[in-house]
PDB file of all heavy atoms in Angstrom:
ATOM      1  N   GLU A   1      33.962  46.668  81.279  1.00  0.00           N
ATOM      2  CA  GLU A   1      35.219  46.081  81.721  1.00  0.00           C
ATOM      3  C   GLU A   1      35.412  44.740  81.026  1.00  0.00           C
ATOM      4  O   GLU A   1      34.464  43.999  80.837  1.00  0.00           O
ATOM      5  CB  GLU A   1      35.217  45.892  83.239  1.00  0.00           C
ATOM      6  CG  GLU A   1      35.143  47.206  84.000  1.00  0.00           C
ATOM      7  CD  GLU A   1      35.324  47.033  85.491  1.00  0.00           C
ATOM      8  OE1 GLU A   1      36.076  46.129  85.917  1.00  0.00           O
ATOM      9  OE2 GLU A   1      34.710  47.803  86.248  1.00  0.00           O
ATOM     10  N   TRP A   2      36.656  44.464  80.640  1.00  0.00           N
ATOM     11  CA  TRP A   2      37.015  43.229  79.911  1.00  0.00           C
ATOM     12  C   TRP A   2      36.345  43.200  78.538  1.00  0.00           C
ATOM     13  O   TRP A   2      35.939  42.151  78.034  1.00  0.00           O
ATOM     14  CB  TRP A   2      36.660  41.976  80.706  1.00  0.00           C
ATOM     15  CG  TRP A   2      37.283  41.916  82.061  1.00  0.00           C
ATOM     16  CD1 TRP A   2      36.675  42.275  83.236  1.00  0.00           C
ATOM     17  CD2 TRP A   2      38.610  41.534  82.395  1.00  0.00           C
ATOM     18  NE1 TRP A   2      37.555  42.126  84.278  1.00  0.00           N
ATOM     19  CE2 TRP A   2      38.754  41.660  83.793  1.00  0.00           C
ATOM     20  CE3 TRP A   2      39.687  41.085  81.646  1.00  0.00           C
ATOM     21  CZ2 TRP A   2      39.938  41.359  84.445  1.00  0.00           C
ATOM     22  CZ3 TRP A   2      40.868  40.776  82.316  1.00  0.00           C
ATOM     23  CH2 TRP A   2      40.980  40.917  83.693  1.00  0.00           C
ATOM     24  N   ALA A   3      36.228  44.345  77.906  1.00  0.00           N
ATOM     25  CA  ALA A   3      35.507  44.477  76.640  1.00  0.00           C
ATOM     26  C   ALA A   3      36.077  43.606  75.519  1.00  0.00           C
ATOM     27  O   ALA A   3      35.340  43.216  74.612  1.00  0.00           O
ATOM     28  CB  ALA A   3      35.484  45.942  76.206  1.00  0.00           C
ATOM     29  N   ASP A   4      37.354  43.295  75.560  1.00  0.00           N
ATOM     30  CA  ASP A   4      37.938  42.463  74.502  1.00  0.00           C
ATOM     31  C   ASP A   4      37.263  41.097  74.389  1.00  0.00           C
ATOM     32  O   ASP A   4      37.308  40.483  73.332  1.00  0.00           O
ATOM     33  CB  ASP A   4      39.445  42.273  74.709  1.00  0.00           C
ATOM     34  CG  ASP A   4      40.258  43.415  74.135  1.00  0.00           C
ATOM     35  OD1 ASP A   4      39.683  44.283  73.450  1.00  0.00           O
ATOM     36  OD2 ASP A   4      41.484  43.445  74.376  1.00  0.00           O
ATOM     37  N   THR A   5      36.632  40.646  75.463  1.00  0.00           N
ATOM     38  CA  THR A   5      35.996  39.320  75.424  1.00  0.00           C
ATOM     39  C   THR A   5      34.703  39.320  74.607  1.00  0.00           C
ATOM     40  O   THR A   5      34.188  38.248  74.298  1.00  0.00           O
ATOM     41  CB  THR A   5      35.712  38.770  76.840  1.00  0.00           C
ATOM     42  OG1 THR A   5      34.761  39.616  77.483  1.00  0.00           O
ATOM     43  CG2 THR A   5      36.979  38.679  77.671  1.00  0.00           C
ATOM     44  N   ILE A   6      34.182  40.518  74.273  1.00  0.00           N
ATOM     45  CA  ILE A   6      32.965  40.607  73.436  1.00  0.00           C
ATOM     46  C   ILE A   6      33.224  41.491  72.222  1.00  0.00           C
ATOM     47  O   ILE A   6      32.317  42.133  71.701  1.00  0.00           O
ATOM     48  CB  ILE A   6      31.751  41.123  74.252  1.00  0.00           C
ATOM     49  CG1 ILE A   6      32.016  42.521  74.822  1.00  0.00           C
ATOM     50  CG2 ILE A   6      31.362  40.130  75.337  1.00  0.00           C
ATOM     51  CD1 ILE A   6      30.771  43.235  75.308  1.00  0.00           C
ATOM     52  N   LYS A   7      34.460  41.509  71.783  1.00  0.00           N
ATOM     53  CA  LYS A   7      34.892  42.416  70.709  1.00  0.00           C
ATOM     54  C   LYS A   7      34.003  42.350  69.466  1.00  0.00           C
ATOM     55  O   LYS A   7      33.761  43.359  68.813  1.00  0.00           O
ATOM     56  CB  LYS A   7      36.329  42.088  70.339  1.00  0.00           C
ATOM     57  CG  LYS A   7      37.044  43.203  69.655  1.00  0.00           C
ATOM     58  CD  LYS A   7      38.513  42.886  69.499  1.00  0.00           C
ATOM     59  CE  LYS A   7      39.264  44.157  69.760  1.00  0.00           C
ATOM     60  NZ  LYS A   7      40.640  44.015  70.056  1.00  0.00           N
ATOM     61  N   ASP A   8      33.492  41.166  69.138  1.00  0.00           N
ATOM     62  CA  ASP A   8      32.730  41.015  67.902  1.00  0.00           C
ATOM     63  C   ASP A   8      31.360  41.678  67.929  1.00  0.00           C
ATOM     64  O   ASP A   8      30.737  41.843  66.886  1.00  0.00           O
ATOM     65  CB  ASP A   8      32.603  39.536  67.513  1.00  0.00           C
ATOM     66  CG  ASP A   8      32.009  38.674  68.599  1.00  0.00           C
ATOM     67  OD1 ASP A   8      32.196  38.985  69.785  1.00  0.00           O
ATOM     68  OD2 ASP A   8      31.355  37.672  68.257  1.00  0.00           O
ATOM     69  N   ILE A   9      30.867  42.101  69.102  1.00  0.00           N
ATOM     70  CA  ILE A   9      29.571  42.798  69.148  1.00  0.00           C
ATOM     71  C   ILE A   9      29.709  44.269  69.533  1.00  0.00           C
ATOM     72  O   ILE A   9      28.720  44.981  69.613  1.00  0.00           O
ATOM     73  CB  ILE A   9      28.552  42.105  70.083  1.00  0.00           C
ATOM     74  CG1 ILE A   9      29.018  42.150  71.544  1.00  0.00           C
ATOM     75  CG2 ILE A   9      28.244  40.705  69.601  1.00  0.00           C
ATOM     76  CD1 ILE A   9      27.927  41.820  72.539  1.00  0.00           C
ATOM     77  N   LEU A  10      30.933  44.722  69.766  1.00  0.00           N
ATOM     78  CA  LEU A  10      31.131  46.124  70.141  1.00  0.00           C
ATOM     79  C   LEU A  10      30.825  47.030  68.960  1.00  0.00           C
ATOM     80  O   LEU A  10      31.101  46.682  67.816  1.00  0.00           O
ATOM     81  CB  LEU A  10      32.563  46.357  70.614  1.00  0.00           C
ATOM     82  CG  LEU A  10      32.956  45.686  71.918  1.00  0.00           C
ATOM     83  CD1 LEU A  10      34.443  45.886  72.184  1.00  0.00           C
ATOM     84  CD2 LEU A  10      32.121  46.193  73.078  1.00  0.00           C
ATOM     85  N   PRO A  11      30.267  48.212  69.235  1.00  0.00           N
ATOM     86  CA  PRO A  11      30.013  49.161  68.154  1.00  0.00           C
ATOM     87  C   PRO A  11      31.321  49.580  67.489  1.00  0.00           C
ATOM     88  O   PRO A  11      32.376  49.613  68.133  1.00  0.00           O
ATOM     89  CB  PRO A  11      29.371  50.361  68.861  1.00  0.00           C
ATOM     90  CG  PRO A  11      28.942  49.870  70.186  1.00  0.00           C
ATOM     91  CD  PRO A  11      29.827  48.725  70.533  1.00  0.00           C
ATOM     92  N   GLU A  12      31.222  49.914  66.231  1.00  0.00           N
ATOM     93  CA  GLU A  12      32.397  50.361  65.487  1.00  0.00           C
ATOM     94  C   GLU A  12      32.964  51.637  66.101  1.00  0.00           C
ATOM     95  O   GLU A  12      34.169  51.802  66.227  1.00  0.00           O
ATOM     96  CB  GLU A  12      32.004  50.604  64.032  1.00  0.00           C
ATOM     97  CG  GLU A  12      33.155  50.949  63.132  1.00  0.00           C
ATOM     98  CD  GLU A  12      32.712  51.113  61.687  1.00  0.00           C
ATOM     99  OE1 GLU A  12      31.871  50.336  61.211  1.00  0.00           O
ATOM    100  OE2 GLU A  12      33.219  52.061  61.048  1.00  0.00           O
ATOM    101  N   ASN A  13      32.094  52.567  66.499  1.00  0.00           N
ATOM    102  CA  ASN A  13      32.513  53.823  67.123  1.00  0.00           C
ATOM    103  C   ASN A  13      32.519  53.649  68.628  1.00  0.00           C
ATOM    104  O   ASN A  13      31.476  53.371  69.240  1.00  0.00           O
ATOM    105  CB  ASN A  13      31.584  54.965  66.713  1.00  0.00           C
ATOM    106  CG  ASN A  13      31.702  55.287  65.240  1.00  0.00           C
ATOM    107  OD1 ASN A  13      32.742  55.114  64.631  1.00  0.00           O
ATOM    108  ND2 ASN A  13      30.612  55.748  64.661  1.00  0.00           N
ATOM    109  N   ARG A  14      33.708  53.837  69.212  1.00  0.00           N
ATOM    110  CA  ARG A  14      33.864  53.634  70.658  1.00  0.00           C
ATOM    111  C   ARG A  14      35.238  54.146  71.085  1.00  0.00           C
ATOM    112  O   ARG A  14      36.058  54.521  70.251  1.00  0.00           O
ATOM    113  CB  ARG A  14      33.722  52.160  71.015  1.00  0.00           C
ATOM    114  CG  ARG A  14      34.822  51.292  70.419  1.00  0.00           C
ATOM    115  CD  ARG A  14      34.629  49.815  70.720  1.00  0.00           C
ATOM    116  NE  ARG A  14      35.783  49.051  70.359  1.00  0.00           N
ATOM    117  CZ  ARG A  14      36.003  48.510  69.161  1.00  0.00           C
ATOM    118  NH1 ARG A  14      35.110  48.680  68.187  1.00  0.00           N
ATOM    119  NH2 ARG A  14      37.095  47.818  68.936  1.00  0.00           N
ATOM    120  N   LEU A  15      35.467  54.115  72.398  1.00  0.00           N
ATOM    121  CA  LEU A  15      36.765  54.480  72.948  1.00  0.00           C
ATOM    122  C   LEU A  15      37.320  53.266  73.687  1.00  0.00           C
ATOM    123  O   LEU A  15      36.688  52.770  74.620  1.00  0.00           O
ATOM    124  CB  LEU A  15      36.625  55.667  73.912  1.00  0.00           C
ATOM    125  CG  LEU A  15      37.924  56.215  74.481  1.00  0.00           C
ATOM    126  CD1 LEU A  15      38.766  56.856  73.372  1.00  0.00           C
ATOM    127  CD2 LEU A  15      37.643  57.231  75.582  1.00  0.00           C
ATOM    128  N   ASP A  16      38.466  52.772  73.250  1.00  0.00           N
ATOM    129  CA  ASP A  16      39.133  51.653  73.917  1.00  0.00           C
ATOM    130  C   ASP A  16      40.236  52.205  74.806  1.00  0.00           C
ATOM    131  O   ASP A  16      41.034  53.052  74.366  1.00  0.00           O
ATOM    132  CB  ASP A  16      39.756  50.694  72.903  1.00  0.00           C
ATOM    133  CG  ASP A  16      38.736  49.839  72.177  1.00  0.00           C
ATOM    134  OD1 ASP A  16      37.532  49.935  72.482  1.00  0.00           O
ATOM    135  OD2 ASP A  16      39.153  49.061  71.294  1.00  0.00           O
ATOM    136  N   ILE A  17      40.282  51.720  76.043  1.00  0.00           N
ATOM    137  CA  ILE A  17      41.343  52.111  76.973  1.00  0.00           C
ATOM    138  C   ILE A  17      41.961  50.837  77.543  1.00  0.00           C
ATOM    139  O   ILE A  17      41.265  50.010  78.131  1.00  0.00           O
ATOM    140  CB  ILE A  17      40.806  52.997  78.126  1.00  0.00           C
ATOM    141  CG1 ILE A  17      40.105  54.237  77.566  1.00  0.00           C
ATOM    142  CG2 ILE A  17      41.958  53.386  79.062  1.00  0.00           C
ATOM    143  CD1 ILE A  17      39.422  55.101  78.623  1.00  0.00           C
ATOM    144  N   TYR A  18      43.273  50.684  77.342  1.00  0.00           N
ATOM    145  CA  TYR A  18      44.014  49.533  77.846  1.00  0.00           C
ATOM    146  C   TYR A  18      44.872  49.982  79.030  1.00  0.00           C
ATOM    147  O   TYR A  18      45.676  50.904  78.900  1.00  0.00           O
ATOM    148  CB  TYR A  18      44.896  48.946  76.749  1.00  0.00           C
ATOM    149  CG  TYR A  18      44.082  48.390  75.610  1.00  0.00           C
ATOM    150  CD1 TYR A  18      43.702  49.194  74.545  1.00  0.00           C
ATOM    151  CD2 TYR A  18      43.668  47.058  75.612  1.00  0.00           C
ATOM    152  CE1 TYR A  18      42.929  48.700  73.503  1.00  0.00           C
ATOM    153  CE2 TYR A  18      42.885  46.558  74.577  1.00  0.00           C
ATOM    154  CZ  TYR A  18      42.527  47.376  73.531  1.00  0.00           C
ATOM    155  OH  TYR A  18      41.750  46.888  72.508  1.00  0.00           O
ATOM    156  N   PHE A  19      44.678  49.329  80.172  1.00  0.00           N
ATOM    157  CA  PHE A  19      45.412  49.633  81.392  1.00  0.00           C
ATOM    158  C   PHE A  19      46.581  48.663  81.523  1.00  0.00           C
ATOM    159  O   PHE A  19      46.380  47.449  81.541  1.00  0.00           O
ATOM    160  CB  PHE A  19      44.509  49.466  82.619  1.00  0.00           C
ATOM    161  CG  PHE A  19      43.433  50.496  82.752  1.00  0.00           C
ATOM    162  CD1 PHE A  19      42.305  50.477  81.938  1.00  0.00           C
ATOM    163  CD2 PHE A  19      43.520  51.494  83.716  1.00  0.00           C
ATOM    164  CE1 PHE A  19      41.298  51.415  82.065  1.00  0.00           C
ATOM    165  CE2 PHE A  19      42.518  52.444  83.852  1.00  0.00           C
ATOM    166  CZ  PHE A  19      41.406  52.400  83.028  1.00  0.00           C
ATOM    167  N   LYS A  20      47.786  49.209  81.615  1.00  0.00           N
ATOM    168  CA  LYS A  20      48.983  48.387  81.825  1.00  0.00           C
ATOM    169  C   LYS A  20      49.567  48.735  83.187  1.00  0.00           C
ATOM    170  O   LYS A  20      49.830  49.900  83.473  1.00  0.00           O
ATOM    171  CB  LYS A  20      50.020  48.644  80.732  1.00  0.00           C
ATOM    172  CG  LYS A  20      49.610  48.120  79.373  1.00  0.00           C
ATOM    173  CD  LYS A  20      50.680  48.416  78.340  1.00  0.00           C
ATOM    174  CE  LYS A  20      51.836  47.483  78.561  1.00  0.00           C
ATOM    175  NZ  LYS A  20      52.864  47.612  77.493  1.00  0.00           N
ATOM    176  N   VAL A  21      49.773  47.718  84.023  1.00  0.00           N
ATOM    177  CA  VAL A  21      50.342  47.919  85.352  1.00  0.00           C
ATOM    178  C   VAL A  21      51.852  48.062  85.224  1.00  0.00           C
ATOM    179  O   VAL A  21      52.514  47.211  84.633  1.00  0.00           O
ATOM    180  CB  VAL A  21      50.000  46.731  86.273  1.00  0.00           C
ATOM    181  CG1 VAL A  21      50.690  46.873  87.623  1.00  0.00           C
ATOM    182  CG2 VAL A  21      48.495  46.605  86.446  1.00  0.00           C
ATOM    183  N   VAL A  22      52.377  49.168  85.787  1.00  0.00           N
ATOM    184  CA  VAL A  22      53.822  49.380  85.819  1.00  0.00           C
ATOM    185  C   VAL A  22      54.358  48.946  87.176  1.00  0.00           C
ATOM    186  O   VAL A  22      55.323  48.196  87.267  1.00  0.00           O
ATOM    187  CB  VAL A  22      54.179  50.867  85.552  1.00  0.00           C
ATOM    188  CG1 VAL A  22      55.668  51.111  85.700  1.00  0.00           C
ATOM    189  CG2 VAL A  22      53.684  51.282  84.173  1.00  0.00           C
ATOM    190  N   ASP A  23      53.727  49.432  88.226  1.00  0.00           N
ATOM    191  CA  ASP A  23      54.057  49.015  89.587  1.00  0.00           C
ATOM    192  C   ASP A  23      52.804  49.176  90.442  1.00  0.00           C
ATOM    193  O   ASP A  23      51.715  49.352  89.896  1.00  0.00           O
ATOM    194  CB  ASP A  23      55.258  49.798  90.145  1.00  0.00           C
ATOM    195  CG  ASP A  23      55.047  51.299  90.201  1.00  0.00           C
ATOM    196  OD1 ASP A  23      53.889  51.745  90.402  1.00  0.00           O
ATOM    197  OD2 ASP A  23      56.028  52.050  90.046  1.00  0.00           O
ATOM    198  N   GLU A  24      52.948  49.132  91.735  1.00  0.00           N
ATOM    199  CA  GLU A  24      51.784  49.163  92.619  1.00  0.00           C
ATOM    200  C   GLU A  24      50.873  50.366  92.390  1.00  0.00           C
ATOM    201  O   GLU A  24      49.653  50.267  92.508  1.00  0.00           O
ATOM    202  CB  GLU A  24      52.253  49.144  94.080  1.00  0.00           C
ATOM    203  CG  GLU A  24      51.167  48.712  95.032  1.00  0.00           C
ATOM    204  CD  GLU A  24      51.707  48.354  96.398  1.00  0.00           C
ATOM    205  OE1 GLU A  24      52.645  47.533  96.463  1.00  0.00           O
ATOM    206  OE2 GLU A  24      51.191  48.914  97.378  1.00  0.00           O
ATOM    207  N   GLU A  25      51.429  51.504  92.036  1.00  0.00           N
ATOM    208  CA  GLU A  25      50.652  52.725  91.839  1.00  0.00           C
ATOM    209  C   GLU A  25      50.529  53.157  90.374  1.00  0.00           C
ATOM    210  O   GLU A  25      49.475  53.599  89.948  1.00  0.00           O
ATOM    211  CB  GLU A  25      51.288  53.882  92.636  1.00  0.00           C
ATOM    212  CG  GLU A  25      51.194  53.729  94.135  1.00  0.00           C
ATOM    213  CD  GLU A  25      49.794  53.937  94.663  1.00  0.00           C
ATOM    214  OE1 GLU A  25      49.091  54.823  94.162  1.00  0.00           O
ATOM    215  OE2 GLU A  25      49.400  53.211  95.582  1.00  0.00           O
ATOM    216  N   LYS A  26      51.603  53.063  89.619  1.00  0.00           N
ATOM    217  CA  LYS A  26      51.677  53.635  88.276  1.00  0.00           C
ATOM    218  C   LYS A  26      51.012  52.742  87.223  1.00  0.00           C
ATOM    219  O   LYS A  26      51.167  51.528  87.245  1.00  0.00           O
ATOM    220  CB  LYS A  26      53.139  53.867  87.895  1.00  0.00           C
ATOM    221  CG  LYS A  26      53.308  54.677  86.622  1.00  0.00           C
ATOM    222  CD  LYS A  26      54.758  54.773  86.197  1.00  0.00           C
ATOM    223  CE  LYS A  26      55.542  55.703  87.077  1.00  0.00           C
ATOM    224  NZ  LYS A  26      56.923  55.903  86.603  1.00  0.00           N
ATOM    225  N   ARG A  27      50.279  53.399  86.305  1.00  0.00           N
ATOM    226  CA  ARG A  27      49.631  52.722  85.186  1.00  0.00           C
ATOM    227  C   ARG A  27      49.941  53.463  83.892  1.00  0.00           C
ATOM    228  O   ARG A  27      50.035  54.688  83.873  1.00  0.00           O
ATOM    229  CB  ARG A  27      48.101  52.693  85.353  1.00  0.00           C
ATOM    230  CG  ARG A  27      47.608  52.050  86.643  1.00  0.00           C
ATOM    231  CD  ARG A  27      47.913  50.574  86.696  1.00  0.00           C
ATOM    232  NE  ARG A  27      47.323  49.924  87.855  1.00  0.00           N
ATOM    233  CZ  ARG A  27      47.991  49.630  88.975  1.00  0.00           C
ATOM    234  NH1 ARG A  27      49.259  49.974  89.103  1.00  0.00           N
ATOM    235  NH2 ARG A  27      47.384  49.001  89.967  1.00  0.00           N
ATOM    236  N   ILE A  28      50.086  52.714  82.822  1.00  0.00           N
ATOM    237  CA  ILE A  28      50.167  53.299  81.491  1.00  0.00           C
ATOM    238  C   ILE A  28      48.855  52.980  80.805  1.00  0.00           C
ATOM    239  O   ILE A  28      48.404  51.834  80.807  1.00  0.00           O
ATOM    240  CB  ILE A  28      51.353  52.743  80.686  1.00  0.00           C
ATOM    241  CG1 ILE A  28      52.667  53.174  81.322  1.00  0.00           C
ATOM    242  CG2 ILE A  28      51.267  53.203  79.224  1.00  0.00           C
ATOM    243  CD1 ILE A  28      53.897  52.570  80.687  1.00  0.00           C
ATOM    244  N   LEU A  29      48.224  54.013  80.243  1.00  0.00           N
ATOM    245  CA  LEU A  29      46.974  53.828  79.512  1.00  0.00           C
ATOM    246  C   LEU A  29      47.225  54.050  78.034  1.00  0.00           C
ATOM    247  O   LEU A  29      47.854  55.026  77.646  1.00  0.00           O
ATOM    248  CB  LEU A  29      45.902  54.808  79.995  1.00  0.00           C
ATOM    249  CG  LEU A  29      45.039  54.366  81.177  1.00  0.00           C
ATOM    250  CD1 LEU A  29      45.847  53.973  82.381  1.00  0.00           C
ATOM    251  CD2 LEU A  29      44.050  55.440  81.518  1.00  0.00           C
ATOM    252  N   ILE A  30      46.743  53.102  77.249  1.00  0.00           N
ATOM    253  CA  ILE A  30      46.778  53.235  75.796  1.00  0.00           C
ATOM    254  C   ILE A  30      45.338  53.448  75.364  1.00  0.00           C
ATOM    255  O   ILE A  30      44.466  52.621  75.645  1.00  0.00           O
ATOM    256  CB  ILE A  30      47.413  51.997  75.143  1.00  0.00           C
ATOM    257  CG1 ILE A  30      48.844  51.896  75.647  1.00  0.00           C
ATOM    258  CG2 ILE A  30      47.327  52.095  73.616  1.00  0.00           C
ATOM    259  CD1 ILE A  30      49.606  50.707  75.291  1.00  0.00           C
ATOM    260  N   ILE A  31      45.090  54.583  74.726  1.00  0.00           N
ATOM    261  CA  ILE A  31      43.732  55.017  74.407  1.00  0.00           C
ATOM    262  C   ILE A  31      43.576  55.050  72.886  1.00  0.00           C
ATOM    263  O   ILE A  31      44.367  55.702  72.197  1.00  0.00           O
ATOM    264  CB  ILE A  31      43.468  56.409  75.026  1.00  0.00           C
ATOM    265  CG1 ILE A  31      43.695  56.330  76.537  1.00  0.00           C
ATOM    266  CG2 ILE A  31      42.078  56.900  74.684  1.00  0.00           C
ATOM    267  CD1 ILE A  31      44.240  57.557  77.146  1.00  0.00           C
ATOM    268  N   LYS A  32      42.565  54.332  72.404  1.00  0.00           N
ATOM    269  CA  LYS A  32      42.312  54.266  70.961  1.00  0.00           C
ATOM    270  C   LYS A  32      40.884  54.707  70.672  1.00  0.00           C
ATOM    271  O   LYS A  32      39.942  54.019  71.037  1.00  0.00           O
ATOM    272  CB  LYS A  32      42.511  52.845  70.447  1.00  0.00           C
ATOM    273  CG  LYS A  32      43.916  52.332  70.568  1.00  0.00           C
ATOM    274  CD  LYS A  32      44.021  50.933  70.004  1.00  0.00           C
ATOM    275  CE  LYS A  32      45.409  50.386  70.176  1.00  0.00           C
ATOM    276  NZ  LYS A  32      45.519  49.012  69.649  1.00  0.00           N
ATOM    277  N   PRO A  33      40.734  55.869  70.033  1.00  0.00           N
ATOM    278  CA  PRO A  33      39.390  56.318  69.641  1.00  0.00           C
ATOM    279  C   PRO A  33      39.003  55.734  68.278  1.00  0.00           C
ATOM    280  O   PRO A  33      39.829  55.676  67.366  1.00  0.00           O
ATOM    281  CB  PRO A  33      39.545  57.830  69.555  1.00  0.00           C
ATOM    282  CG  PRO A  33      40.975  58.046  69.185  1.00  0.00           C
ATOM    283  CD  PRO A  33      41.745  56.905  69.797  1.00  0.00           C
ATOM    284  N   TYR A  34      37.775  55.300  68.173  1.00  0.00           N
ATOM    285  CA  TYR A  34      37.220  54.819  66.912  1.00  0.00           C
ATOM    286  C   TYR A  34      36.012  55.684  66.580  1.00  0.00           C
ATOM    287  O   TYR A  34      35.020  55.644  67.299  1.00  0.00           O
ATOM    288  CB  TYR A  34      36.797  53.347  67.017  1.00  0.00           C
ATOM    289  CG  TYR A  34      37.958  52.408  67.252  1.00  0.00           C
ATOM    290  CD1 TYR A  34      38.329  52.051  68.544  1.00  0.00           C
ATOM    291  CD2 TYR A  34      38.673  51.886  66.188  1.00  0.00           C
ATOM    292  CE1 TYR A  34      39.393  51.187  68.769  1.00  0.00           C
ATOM    293  CE2 TYR A  34      39.740  51.027  66.391  1.00  0.00           C
ATOM    294  CZ  TYR A  34      40.097  50.679  67.687  1.00  0.00           C
ATOM    295  OH  TYR A  34      41.154  49.835  67.908  1.00  0.00           O
ATOM    296  N   GLY A  35      36.125  56.475  65.527  1.00  0.00           N
ATOM    297  CA  GLY A  35      35.045  57.371  65.130  1.00  0.00           C
ATOM    298  C   GLY A  35      35.361  58.814  65.465  1.00  0.00           C
ATOM    299  O   GLY A  35      36.097  59.115  66.412  1.00  0.00           O
ATOM    300  N   LYS A  36      34.784  59.714  64.674  1.00  0.00           N
ATOM    301  CA  LYS A  36      35.063  61.149  64.770  1.00  0.00           C
ATOM    302  C   LYS A  36      34.784  61.731  66.150  1.00  0.00           C
ATOM    303  O   LYS A  36      35.601  62.465  66.695  1.00  0.00           O
ATOM    304  CB  LYS A  36      34.236  61.878  63.707  1.00  0.00           C
ATOM    305  CG  LYS A  36      34.525  63.352  63.588  1.00  0.00           C
ATOM    306  CD  LYS A  36      33.719  63.945  62.449  1.00  0.00           C
ATOM    307  CE  LYS A  36      33.908  65.337  62.098  1.00  0.00           C
ATOM    308  NZ  LYS A  36      34.423  66.350  62.784  1.00  0.00           N
ATOM    309  N   GLU A  37      33.640  61.382  66.763  1.00  0.00           N
ATOM    310  CA  GLU A  37      33.326  61.992  68.061  1.00  0.00           C
ATOM    311  C   GLU A  37      34.299  61.532  69.146  1.00  0.00           C
ATOM    312  O   GLU A  37      34.613  62.293  70.063  1.00  0.00           O
ATOM    313  CB  GLU A  37      31.872  61.753  68.451  1.00  0.00           C
ATOM    314  CG  GLU A  37      31.444  60.324  68.522  1.00  0.00           C
ATOM    315  CD  GLU A  37      29.927  60.182  68.541  1.00  0.00           C
ATOM    316  OE1 GLU A  37      29.213  61.140  68.863  1.00  0.00           O
ATOM    317  OE2 GLU A  37      29.465  59.085  68.223  1.00  0.00           O
ATOM    318  N   TYR A  38      34.827  60.313  69.033  1.00  0.00           N
ATOM    319  CA  TYR A  38      35.800  59.836  70.013  1.00  0.00           C
ATOM    320  C   TYR A  38      37.179  60.441  69.766  1.00  0.00           C
ATOM    321  O   TYR A  38      37.918  60.695  70.714  1.00  0.00           O
ATOM    322  CB  TYR A  38      35.842  58.304  70.013  1.00  0.00           C
ATOM    323  CG  TYR A  38      34.545  57.722  70.515  1.00  0.00           C
ATOM    324  CD1 TYR A  38      33.562  57.306  69.629  1.00  0.00           C
ATOM    325  CD2 TYR A  38      34.284  57.652  71.875  1.00  0.00           C
ATOM    326  CE1 TYR A  38      32.349  56.809  70.085  1.00  0.00           C
ATOM    327  CE2 TYR A  38      33.075  57.156  72.341  1.00  0.00           C
ATOM    328  CZ  TYR A  38      32.113  56.736  71.447  1.00  0.00           C
ATOM    329  OH  TYR A  38      30.921  56.260  71.905  1.00  0.00           O
ATOM    330  N   GLU A  39      37.502  60.693  68.496  1.00  0.00           N
ATOM    331  CA  GLU A  39      38.744  61.389  68.178  1.00  0.00           C
ATOM    332  C   GLU A  39      38.694  62.816  68.719  1.00  0.00           C
ATOM    333  O   GLU A  39      39.664  63.307  69.306  1.00  0.00           O
ATOM    334  CB  GLU A  39      38.973  61.396  66.665  1.00  0.00           C
ATOM    335  CG  GLU A  39      39.306  60.026  66.111  1.00  0.00           C
ATOM    336  CD  GLU A  39      39.264  59.953  64.592  1.00  0.00           C
ATOM    337  OE1 GLU A  39      39.077  61.003  63.937  1.00  0.00           O
ATOM    338  OE2 GLU A  39      39.408  58.832  64.064  1.00  0.00           O
TER     339      GLU A  39
END
């Protein structure tokens, strides 16, 4: 959680998920795979 704060030590291959609050219940997730196995 809060992975962006340690971005410089994160492995090159990983799955990033960004949670955006729309309202009390609804969320938009932006998912970025890095590397073949995550794709």
